[in-house]
Amino acid sequence: MNEKTLPEVAKSLSITSDTLRYWVKLLDVATEKRGRTVYIPDESFNRLTTMAEMVSNGFQPGEAAKR
């Protein structure tokens, strides 16, 4: 399984780590914590990319998560 750290994903989406944590919770994305590092599987990256696009197009995060 390929994965990225939470800060790596946040940087690639041009959002803060706090925003990404909120979106992960909204979308119920599975994460894995090892030590102090949170990992996000690559298969969840597409959902998060779609979320970033919807938010940048004016959707509220809660609304975007439901679609």
PDB file of N, CA and C in Angstrom:
ATOM      1  N   MET A   1       0.838  -1.176   0.000  1.00  0.00           N
ATOM      2  CA  MET A   1       0.000   0.000   0.000  1.00  0.00           C
ATOM      3  C   MET A   1       0.888   1.245   0.000  1.00  0.00           C
ATOM      4  N   ASN A   2       0.622   2.140  -0.911  1.00  0.00           N
ATOM      5  CA  ASN A   2       1.346   3.406  -0.938  1.00  0.00           C
ATOM      6  C   ASN A   2       0.608   4.417  -0.086  1.00  0.00           C
ATOM      7  N   GLU A   3       1.363   5.278   0.537  1.00  0.00           N
ATOM      8  CA  GLU A   3       0.766   6.273   1.420  1.00  0.00           C
ATOM      9  C   GLU A   3       1.654   7.502   1.498  1.00  0.00           C
ATOM     10  N   LYS A   4       1.048   8.590   1.957  1.00  0.00           N
ATOM     11  CA  LYS A   4       1.785   9.836   2.159  1.00  0.00           C
ATOM     12  C   LYS A   4       1.485  10.329   3.570  1.00  0.00           C
ATOM     13  N   THR A   5       2.388  11.132   4.092  1.00  0.00           N
ATOM     14  CA  THR A   5       2.122  11.715   5.407  1.00  0.00           C
ATOM     15  C   THR A   5       1.089  12.823   5.269  1.00  0.00           C
ATOM     16  N   LEU A   6       0.424  13.124   6.358  1.00  0.00           N
ATOM     17  CA  LEU A   6      -0.589  14.181   6.351  1.00  0.00           C
ATOM     18  C   LEU A   6      -0.002  15.512   5.877  1.00  0.00           C
ATOM     19  N   PRO A   7       1.165  15.945   6.356  1.00  0.00           N
ATOM     20  CA  PRO A   7       1.729  17.212   5.851  1.00  0.00           C
ATOM     21  C   PRO A   7       2.046  17.185   4.359  1.00  0.00           C
ATOM     22  N   GLU A   8       2.481  16.030   3.827  1.00  0.00           N
ATOM     23  CA  GLU A   8       2.749  15.927   2.389  1.00  0.00           C
ATOM     24  C   GLU A   8       1.477  16.119   1.575  1.00  0.00           C
ATOM     25  N   VAL A   9       0.391  15.490   2.026  1.00  0.00           N
ATOM     26  CA  VAL A   9      -0.891  15.620   1.321  1.00  0.00           C
ATOM     27  C   VAL A   9      -1.391  17.054   1.411  1.00  0.00           C
ATOM     28  N   ALA A  10      -1.306  17.657   2.599  1.00  0.00           N
ATOM     29  CA  ALA A  10      -1.757  19.044   2.774  1.00  0.00           C
ATOM     30  C   ALA A  10      -0.994  19.975   1.833  1.00  0.00           C
ATOM     31  N   LYS A  11       0.298  19.797   1.753  1.00  0.00           N
ATOM     32  CA  LYS A  11       1.114  20.654   0.884  1.00  0.00           C
ATOM     33  C   LYS A  11       0.728  20.468  -0.582  1.00  0.00           C
ATOM     34  N   SER A  12       0.502  19.229  -0.996  1.00  0.00           N
ATOM     35  CA  SER A  12       0.150  18.983  -2.403  1.00  0.00           C
ATOM     36  C   SER A  12      -1.220  19.543  -2.758  1.00  0.00           C
ATOM     37  N   LEU A  13      -2.106  19.685  -1.757  1.00  0.00           N
ATOM     38  CA  LEU A  13      -3.436  20.259  -1.991  1.00  0.00           C
ATOM     39  C   LEU A  13      -3.478  21.762  -1.714  1.00  0.00           C
ATOM     40  N   SER A  14      -2.355  22.316  -1.270  1.00  0.00           N
ATOM     41  CA  SER A  14      -2.235  23.746  -0.935  1.00  0.00           C
ATOM     42  C   SER A  14      -3.219  24.163   0.162  1.00  0.00           C
ATOM     43  N   ILE A  15      -3.304  23.315   1.191  1.00  0.00           N
ATOM     44  CA  ILE A  15      -4.126  23.624   2.359  1.00  0.00           C
ATOM     45  C   ILE A  15      -3.289  23.382   3.607  1.00  0.00           C
ATOM     46  N   THR A  16      -3.786  23.831   4.738  1.00  0.00           N
ATOM     47  CA  THR A  16      -3.072  23.607   5.993  1.00  0.00           C
ATOM     48  C   THR A  16      -3.318  22.192   6.497  1.00  0.00           C
ATOM     49  N   SER A  17      -2.439  21.733   7.355  1.00  0.00           N
ATOM     50  CA  SER A  17      -2.617  20.410   7.963  1.00  0.00           C
ATOM     51  C   SER A  17      -3.893  20.365   8.799  1.00  0.00           C
ATOM     52  N   ASP A  18      -4.226  21.462   9.470  1.00  0.00           N
ATOM     53  CA  ASP A  18      -5.462  21.507  10.259  1.00  0.00           C
ATOM     54  C   ASP A  18      -6.695  21.355   9.373  1.00  0.00           C
ATOM     55  N   THR A  19      -6.684  22.021   8.220  1.00  0.00           N
ATOM     56  CA  THR A  19      -7.806  21.892   7.281  1.00  0.00           C
ATOM     57  C   THR A  19      -7.912  20.459   6.793  1.00  0.00           C
ATOM     58  N   LEU A  20      -6.781  19.851   6.484  1.00  0.00           N
ATOM     59  CA  LEU A  20      -6.792  18.468   6.011  1.00  0.00           C
ATOM     60  C   LEU A  20      -7.333  17.535   7.084  1.00  0.00           C
ATOM     61  N   ARG A  21      -6.950  17.739   8.321  1.00  0.00           N
ATOM     62  CA  ARG A  21      -7.482  16.901   9.414  1.00  0.00           C
ATOM     63  C   ARG A  21      -9.008  17.020   9.479  1.00  0.00           C
ATOM     64  N   TYR A  22      -9.536  18.225   9.301  1.00  0.00           N
ATOM     65  CA  TYR A  22     -10.977  18.452   9.303  1.00  0.00           C
ATOM     66  C   TYR A  22     -11.636  17.701   8.147  1.00  0.00           C
ATOM     67  N   TRP A  23     -11.051  17.808   6.954  1.00  0.00           N
ATOM     68  CA  TRP A  23     -11.608  17.124   5.792  1.00  0.00           C
ATOM     69  C   TRP A  23     -11.551  15.613   5.962  1.00  0.00           C
ATOM     70  N   VAL A  24     -10.465  15.095   6.514  1.00  0.00           N
ATOM     71  CA  VAL A  24     -10.337  13.660   6.754  1.00  0.00           C
ATOM     72  C   VAL A  24     -11.483  13.190   7.653  1.00  0.00           C
ATOM     73  N   LYS A  25     -11.804  13.991   8.642  1.00  0.00           N
ATOM     74  CA  LYS A  25     -12.906  13.652   9.549  1.00  0.00           C
ATOM     75  C   LYS A  25     -14.247  13.720   8.813  1.00  0.00           C
ATOM     76  N   LEU A  26     -14.462  14.776   8.028  1.00  0.00           N
ATOM     77  CA  LEU A  26     -15.708  14.921   7.281  1.00  0.00           C
ATOM     78  C   LEU A  26     -15.932  13.768   6.305  1.00  0.00           C
ATOM     79  N   LEU A  27     -14.869  13.361   5.630  1.00  0.00           N
ATOM     80  CA  LEU A  27     -14.967  12.316   4.609  1.00  0.00           C
ATOM     81  C   LEU A  27     -14.798  10.910   5.178  1.00  0.00           C
ATOM     82  N   ASP A  28     -14.520  10.829   6.475  1.00  0.00           N
ATOM     83  CA  ASP A  28     -14.297   9.543   7.144  1.00  0.00           C
ATOM     84  C   ASP A  28     -13.195   8.743   6.434  1.00  0.00           C
ATOM     85  N   VAL A  29     -12.100   9.434   6.132  1.00  0.00           N
ATOM     86  CA  VAL A  29     -10.950   8.810   5.466  1.00  0.00           C
ATOM     87  C   VAL A  29     -10.156   8.018   6.511  1.00  0.00           C
ATOM     88  N   ALA A  30      -9.838   6.788   6.149  1.00  0.00           N
ATOM     89  CA  ALA A  30      -9.030   5.956   7.044  1.00  0.00           C
ATOM     90  C   ALA A  30      -7.594   6.481   7.060  1.00  0.00           C
ATOM     91  N   THR A  31      -7.051   6.632   8.237  1.00  0.00           N
ATOM     92  CA  THR A  31      -5.659   7.040   8.391  1.00  0.00           C
ATOM     93  C   THR A  31      -4.962   6.028   9.282  1.00  0.00           C
ATOM     94  N   GLU A  32      -3.665   6.072   9.257  1.00  0.00           N
ATOM     95  CA  GLU A  32      -2.881   5.219  10.145  1.00  0.00           C
ATOM     96  C   GLU A  32      -1.869   6.086  10.857  1.00  0.00           C
ATOM     97  N   LYS A  33      -1.817   5.950  12.165  1.00  0.00           N
ATOM     98  CA  LYS A  33      -0.864   6.727  12.944  1.00  0.00           C
ATOM     99  C   LYS A  33       0.238   5.789  13.428  1.00  0.00           C
ATOM    100  N   ARG A  34       1.465   6.150  13.090  1.00  0.00           N
ATOM    101  CA  ARG A  34       2.640   5.406  13.555  1.00  0.00           C
ATOM    102  C   ARG A  34       3.546   6.399  14.247  1.00  0.00           C
ATOM    103  N   GLY A  35       3.704   6.205  15.521  1.00  0.00           N
ATOM    104  CA  GLY A  35       4.462   7.180  16.294  1.00  0.00           C
ATOM    105  C   GLY A  35       3.695   8.487  16.322  1.00  0.00           C
ATOM    106  N   ARG A  36       4.352   9.549  15.898  1.00  0.00           N
ATOM    107  CA  ARG A  36       3.696  10.864  15.867  1.00  0.00           C
ATOM    108  C   ARG A  36       3.265  11.263  14.459  1.00  0.00           C
ATOM    109  N   THR A  37       3.373  10.330  13.521  1.00  0.00           N
ATOM    110  CA  THR A  37       3.098  10.642  12.125  1.00  0.00           C
ATOM    111  C   THR A  37       1.800   9.990  11.671  1.00  0.00           C
ATOM    112  N   VAL A  38       0.944  10.780  11.001  1.00  0.00           N
ATOM    113  CA  VAL A  38      -0.313  10.274  10.445  1.00  0.00           C
ATOM    114  C   VAL A  38      -0.111  10.053   8.949  1.00  0.00           C
ATOM    115  N   TYR A  39      -0.504   8.874   8.488  1.00  0.00           N
ATOM    116  CA  TYR A  39      -0.379   8.508   7.081  1.00  0.00           C
ATOM    117  C   TYR A  39      -1.754   8.397   6.443  1.00  0.00           C
ATOM    118  N   ILE A  40      -1.843   8.841   5.189  1.00  0.00           N
ATOM    119  CA  ILE A  40      -3.080   8.772   4.419  1.00  0.00           C
ATOM    120  C   ILE A  40      -2.808   7.883   3.208  1.00  0.00           C
ATOM    121  N   PRO A  41      -3.635   6.850   3.011  1.00  0.00           N
ATOM    122  CA  PRO A  41      -3.416   5.965   1.859  1.00  0.00           C
ATOM    123  C   PRO A  41      -3.655   6.694   0.540  1.00  0.00           C
ATOM    124  N   ASP A  42      -2.900   6.288  -0.475  1.00  0.00           N
ATOM    125  CA  ASP A  42      -3.016   6.926  -1.786  1.00  0.00           C
ATOM    126  C   ASP A  42      -4.427   6.845  -2.355  1.00  0.00           C
ATOM    127  N   GLU A  43      -5.162   5.760  -2.069  1.00  0.00           N
ATOM    128  CA  GLU A  43      -6.505   5.645  -2.622  1.00  0.00           C
ATOM    129  C   GLU A  43      -7.458   6.712  -2.070  1.00  0.00           C
ATOM    130  N   SER A  44      -7.144   7.292  -0.944  1.00  0.00           N
ATOM    131  CA  SER A  44      -7.962   8.374  -0.383  1.00  0.00           C
ATOM    132  C   SER A  44      -7.595   9.737  -0.967  1.00  0.00           C
ATOM    133  N   PHE A  45      -6.425   9.799  -1.610  1.00  0.00           N
ATOM    134  CA  PHE A  45      -5.950  11.070  -2.147  1.00  0.00           C
ATOM    135  C   PHE A  45      -6.907  11.639  -3.196  1.00  0.00           C
ATOM    136  N   ASN A  46      -7.501  10.783  -4.039  1.00  0.00           N
ATOM    137  CA  ASN A  46      -8.442  11.256  -5.059  1.00  0.00           C
ATOM    138  C   ASN A  46      -9.659  11.922  -4.431  1.00  0.00           C
ATOM    139  N   ARG A  47     -10.180  11.345  -3.355  1.00  0.00           N
ATOM    140  CA  ARG A  47     -11.332  11.945  -2.662  1.00  0.00           C
ATOM    141  C   ARG A  47     -10.963  13.317  -2.101  1.00  0.00           C
ATOM    142  N   LEU A  48      -9.772  13.415  -1.549  1.00  0.00           N
ATOM    143  CA  LEU A  48      -9.325  14.684  -0.975  1.00  0.00           C
ATOM    144  C   LEU A  48      -9.061  15.720  -2.064  1.00  0.00           C
ATOM    145  N   THR A  49      -8.572  15.274  -3.208  1.00  0.00           N
ATOM    146  CA  THR A  49      -8.361  16.183  -4.346  1.00  0.00           C
ATOM    147  C   THR A  49      -9.700  16.724  -4.840  1.00  0.00           C
ATOM    148  N   THR A  50     -10.701  15.859  -4.938  1.00  0.00           N
ATOM    149  CA  THR A  50     -12.040  16.288  -5.345  1.00  0.00           C
ATOM    150  C   THR A  50     -12.603  17.289  -4.345  1.00  0.00           C
ATOM    151  N   MET A  51     -12.395  17.025  -3.076  1.00  0.00           N
ATOM    152  CA  MET A  51     -12.852  17.946  -2.024  1.00  0.00           C
ATOM    153  C   MET A  51     -12.190  19.315  -2.196  1.00  0.00           C
ATOM    154  N   ALA A  52     -10.884  19.340  -2.437  1.00  0.00           N
ATOM    155  CA  ALA A  52     -10.156  20.605  -2.612  1.00  0.00           C
ATOM    156  C   ALA A  52     -10.698  21.373  -3.812  1.00  0.00           C
ATOM    157  N   GLU A  53     -10.987  20.668  -4.903  1.00  0.00           N
ATOM    158  CA  GLU A  53     -11.530  21.316  -6.102  1.00  0.00           C
ATOM    159  C   GLU A  53     -12.910  21.911  -5.824  1.00  0.00           C
ATOM    160  N   MET A  54     -13.749  21.163  -5.127  1.00  0.00           N
ATOM    161  CA  MET A  54     -15.102  21.647  -4.832  1.00  0.00           C
ATOM    162  C   MET A  54     -15.065  22.873  -3.925  1.00  0.00           C
ATOM    163  N   VAL A  55     -14.212  22.833  -2.918  1.00  0.00           N
ATOM    164  CA  VAL A  55     -14.089  23.976  -1.998  1.00  0.00           C
ATOM    165  C   VAL A  55     -13.557  25.195  -2.737  1.00  0.00           C
ATOM    166  N   SER A  56     -12.605  24.984  -3.632  1.00  0.00           N
ATOM    167  CA  SER A  56     -12.066  26.119  -4.388  1.00  0.00           C
ATOM    168  C   SER A  56     -13.099  26.690  -5.365  1.00  0.00           C
ATOM    169  N   ASN A  57     -14.103  25.880  -5.694  1.00  0.00           N
ATOM    170  CA  ASN A  57     -15.188  26.339  -6.571  1.00  0.00           C
ATOM    171  C   ASN A  57     -16.369  26.909  -5.794  1.00  0.00           C
ATOM    172  N   GLY A  58     -16.206  27.096  -4.488  1.00  0.00           N
ATOM    173  CA  GLY A  58     -17.216  27.791  -3.701  1.00  0.00           C
ATOM    174  C   GLY A  58     -18.084  26.948  -2.798  1.00  0.00           C
ATOM    175  N   PHE A  59     -17.937  25.628  -2.820  1.00  0.00           N
ATOM    176  CA  PHE A  59     -18.720  24.784  -1.922  1.00  0.00           C
ATOM    177  C   PHE A  59     -18.170  24.888  -0.502  1.00  0.00           C
ATOM    178  N   GLN A  60     -19.056  24.809   0.467  1.00  0.00           N
ATOM    179  CA  GLN A  60     -18.631  24.701   1.859  1.00  0.00           C
ATOM    180  C   GLN A  60     -18.133  23.274   2.074  1.00  0.00           C
ATOM    181  N   PRO A  61     -17.137  23.048   2.930  1.00  0.00           N
ATOM    182  CA  PRO A  61     -16.601  21.714   3.129  1.00  0.00           C
ATOM    183  C   PRO A  61     -17.667  20.670   3.509  1.00  0.00           C
ATOM    184  N   GLY A  62     -18.580  21.027   4.381  1.00  0.00           N
ATOM    185  CA  GLY A  62     -19.631  20.091   4.768  1.00  0.00           C
ATOM    186  C   GLY A  62     -20.505  19.682   3.612  1.00  0.00           C
ATOM    187  N   GLU A  63     -20.812  20.638   2.755  1.00  0.00           N
ATOM    188  CA  GLU A  63     -21.627  20.367   1.569  1.00  0.00           C
ATOM    189  C   GLU A  63     -20.849  19.515   0.564  1.00  0.00           C
ATOM    190  N   ALA A  64     -19.584  19.843   0.365  1.00  0.00           N
ATOM    191  CA  ALA A  64     -18.744  19.090  -0.574  1.00  0.00           C
ATOM    192  C   ALA A  64     -18.577  17.652  -0.123  1.00  0.00           C
ATOM    193  N   ALA A  65     -18.486  17.420   1.173  1.00  0.00           N
ATOM    194  CA  ALA A  65     -18.297  16.070   1.699  1.00  0.00           C
ATOM    195  C   ALA A  65     -19.511  15.193   1.443  1.00  0.00           C
ATOM    196  N   LYS A  66     -20.679  15.790   1.357  1.00  0.00           N
ATOM    197  CA  LYS A  66     -21.922  15.016   1.143  1.00  0.00           C
ATOM    198  C   LYS A  66     -22.107  14.608  -0.304  1.00  0.00           C
ATOM    199  N   ARG A  67     -21.403  15.239  -1.225  1.00  0.00           N
ATOM    200  CA  ARG A  67     -21.598  14.953  -2.652  1.00  0.00           C
ATOM    201  C   ARG A  67     -20.726  13.850  -3.146  1.00  0.00           C
TER     202      ARG A  67
END
